[in-house]
Amino acid sequence: MEMNGLSIIITVINFILLFATIIVIYKAIRGFKNFINRNKEMDKKIDVILNKLENKEDN
């Protein structure tokens, strides 16, 4: 009976670790997407600023 109890405990621990790993990977992917989106927004803002500066130099 102890062997069955031990294997059940190990199986539960494995499922918990698998679930935790999936959550960590999901959050890492979301963080990476947010990082990419922020960089795209910054690029757009920098382009707008550079265009305004170029227009002022032309005048």
N, C-alpha and C. Protein backbone atom coordinates (compact mmCIF):
# COMPACT_ATOMS: atom_id res chain seq x y z
N MET A 1 0.82 -1.21 0.00
CA MET A 1 0.00 0.00 0.00
C MET A 1 0.86 1.25 0.00
N GLU A 2 1.99 1.19 0.65
CA GLU A 2 2.86 2.39 0.70
C GLU A 2 3.36 2.75 -0.70
N MET A 3 3.65 1.75 -1.49
CA MET A 3 4.14 2.04 -2.83
C MET A 3 3.07 2.76 -3.64
N ASN A 4 1.82 2.36 -3.52
CA ASN A 4 0.75 3.03 -4.24
C ASN A 4 0.56 4.46 -3.73
N GLY A 5 0.62 4.64 -2.43
CA GLY A 5 0.49 5.98 -1.86
C GLY A 5 1.63 6.88 -2.30
N LEU A 6 2.83 6.32 -2.32
CA LEU A 6 3.99 7.10 -2.75
C LEU A 6 3.87 7.46 -4.23
N SER A 7 3.45 6.54 -5.05
CA SER A 7 3.32 6.84 -6.48
C SER A 7 2.22 7.87 -6.73
N ILE A 8 1.15 7.84 -5.93
CA ILE A 8 0.10 8.85 -6.07
C ILE A 8 0.63 10.22 -5.70
N ILE A 9 1.39 10.30 -4.62
CA ILE A 9 1.96 11.59 -4.19
C ILE A 9 2.91 12.12 -5.26
N ILE A 10 3.76 11.27 -5.80
CA ILE A 10 4.70 11.69 -6.85
C ILE A 10 3.95 12.14 -8.10
N THR A 11 2.88 11.44 -8.45
CA THR A 11 2.07 11.82 -9.62
C THR A 11 1.44 13.20 -9.41
N VAL A 12 0.90 13.44 -8.22
CA VAL A 12 0.31 14.75 -7.92
C VAL A 12 1.36 15.84 -7.99
N ILE A 13 2.54 15.59 -7.45
CA ILE A 13 3.62 16.57 -7.50
C ILE A 13 4.02 16.84 -8.95
N ASN A 14 4.07 15.80 -9.77
CA ASN A 14 4.42 15.98 -11.19
C ASN A 14 3.38 16.84 -11.91
N PHE A 15 2.10 16.61 -11.63
CA PHE A 15 1.06 17.43 -12.25
C PHE A 15 1.16 18.89 -11.80
N ILE A 16 1.45 19.10 -10.53
CA ILE A 16 1.61 20.48 -10.03
C ILE A 16 2.79 21.15 -10.72
N LEU A 17 3.90 20.45 -10.85
CA LEU A 17 5.06 21.02 -11.54
C LEU A 17 4.78 21.29 -13.00
N LEU A 18 4.05 20.39 -13.65
CA LEU A 18 3.69 20.60 -15.05
C LEU A 18 2.80 21.83 -15.20
N PHE A 19 1.82 21.96 -14.33
CA PHE A 19 0.93 23.12 -14.35
C PHE A 19 1.71 24.42 -14.12
N ALA A 20 2.63 24.40 -13.14
CA ALA A 20 3.44 25.58 -12.86
C ALA A 20 4.32 25.94 -14.06
N THR A 21 4.87 24.94 -14.72
CA THR A 21 5.72 25.18 -15.90
C THR A 21 4.91 25.81 -17.02
N ILE A 22 3.70 25.31 -17.23
CA ILE A 22 2.84 25.87 -18.28
C ILE A 22 2.51 27.33 -17.98
N ILE A 23 2.22 27.64 -16.72
CA ILE A 23 1.91 29.02 -16.33
C ILE A 23 3.12 29.92 -16.56
N VAL A 24 4.30 29.46 -16.20
CA VAL A 24 5.52 30.27 -16.38
C VAL A 24 5.77 30.53 -17.86
N ILE A 25 5.61 29.52 -18.69
CA ILE A 25 5.83 29.70 -20.14
C ILE A 25 4.80 30.67 -20.71
N TYR A 26 3.54 30.55 -20.28
CA TYR A 26 2.49 31.44 -20.76
C TYR A 26 2.79 32.89 -20.37
N LYS A 27 3.19 33.11 -19.12
CA LYS A 27 3.49 34.48 -18.68
C LYS A 27 4.72 35.03 -19.39
N ALA A 28 5.70 34.18 -19.68
CA ALA A 28 6.89 34.62 -20.40
C ALA A 28 6.53 35.05 -21.82
N ILE A 29 5.66 34.30 -22.47
CA ILE A 29 5.23 34.65 -23.83
C ILE A 29 4.46 35.96 -23.81
N ARG A 30 3.57 36.15 -22.83
CA ARG A 30 2.82 37.40 -22.73
C ARG A 30 3.75 38.58 -22.47
N GLY A 31 4.73 38.39 -21.60
CA GLY A 31 5.70 39.45 -21.33
C GLY A 31 6.49 39.81 -22.57
N PHE A 32 6.88 38.81 -23.34
CA PHE A 32 7.63 39.05 -24.56
C PHE A 32 6.78 39.81 -25.58
N LYS A 33 5.49 39.44 -25.70
CA LYS A 33 4.60 40.16 -26.61
C LYS A 33 4.43 41.61 -26.18
N ASN A 34 4.27 41.84 -24.88
CA ASN A 34 4.13 43.22 -24.38
C ASN A 34 5.40 44.02 -24.66
N PHE A 35 6.56 43.38 -24.51
CA PHE A 35 7.83 44.04 -24.79
C PHE A 35 7.91 44.45 -26.26
N ILE A 36 7.51 43.57 -27.15
CA ILE A 36 7.54 43.87 -28.59
C ILE A 36 6.56 45.00 -28.91
N ASN A 37 5.37 44.96 -28.33
CA ASN A 37 4.38 46.01 -28.59
C ASN A 37 4.87 47.36 -28.09
N ARG A 38 5.50 47.38 -26.91
CA ARG A 38 6.03 48.65 -26.40
C ARG A 38 7.11 49.19 -27.32
N ASN A 39 7.96 48.32 -27.83
CA ASN A 39 9.02 48.78 -28.74
C ASN A 39 8.44 49.33 -30.03
N LYS A 40 7.38 48.70 -30.54
CA LYS A 40 6.74 49.21 -31.76
C LYS A 40 6.14 50.59 -31.51
N GLU A 41 5.50 50.77 -30.34
CA GLU A 41 4.92 52.08 -30.02
C GLU A 41 6.00 53.13 -29.88
N MET A 42 7.11 52.77 -29.26
CA MET A 42 8.22 53.73 -29.12
C MET A 42 8.79 54.10 -30.48
N ASP A 43 8.90 53.13 -31.38
CA ASP A 43 9.39 53.42 -32.73
C ASP A 43 8.47 54.40 -33.44
N LYS A 44 7.16 54.21 -33.28
CA LYS A 44 6.20 55.12 -33.91
C LYS A 44 6.35 56.52 -33.33
N LYS A 45 6.48 56.63 -32.02
CA LYS A 45 6.62 57.94 -31.38
C LYS A 45 7.91 58.61 -31.81
N ILE A 46 8.97 57.84 -31.90
CA ILE A 46 10.26 58.41 -32.32
C ILE A 46 10.17 58.88 -33.77
N ASP A 47 9.49 58.13 -34.62
CA ASP A 47 9.31 58.55 -36.01
C ASP A 47 8.54 59.86 -36.10
N VAL A 48 7.50 60.00 -35.29
CA VAL A 48 6.72 61.24 -35.29
C VAL A 48 7.59 62.41 -34.85
N ILE A 49 8.37 62.22 -33.81
CA ILE A 49 9.24 63.29 -33.31
C ILE A 49 10.28 63.66 -34.37
N LEU A 50 10.89 62.66 -34.99
CA LEU A 50 11.89 62.95 -36.02
C LEU A 50 11.28 63.67 -37.21
N ASN A 51 10.08 63.29 -37.61
CA ASN A 51 9.40 63.98 -38.72
C ASN A 51 9.12 65.43 -38.35
N LYS A 52 8.70 65.69 -37.12
CA LYS A 52 8.45 67.07 -36.72
C LYS A 52 9.74 67.87 -36.71
N LEU A 53 10.82 67.28 -36.24
CA LEU A 53 12.09 67.99 -36.23
C LEU A 53 12.59 68.27 -37.65
N GLU A 54 12.40 67.32 -38.55
CA GLU A 54 12.82 67.54 -39.94
C GLU A 54 11.99 68.64 -40.58
N ASN A 55 10.70 68.71 -40.28
CA ASN A 55 9.86 69.76 -40.84
C ASN A 55 10.27 71.12 -40.31
N LYS A 56 10.69 71.22 -39.07
CA LYS A 56 11.12 72.51 -38.51
C LYS A 56 12.43 72.95 -39.15
N GLU A 57 13.31 72.00 -39.45
CA GLU A 57 14.58 72.34 -40.08
C GLU A 57 14.37 72.84 -41.51
N ASP A 58 13.38 72.29 -42.18
CA ASP A 58 13.11 72.70 -43.56
C ASP A 58 12.54 74.12 -43.62
N ASN A 59 11.81 74.52 -42.61
CA ASN A 59 11.20 75.86 -42.62
C ASN A 59 12.20 76.86 -42.29
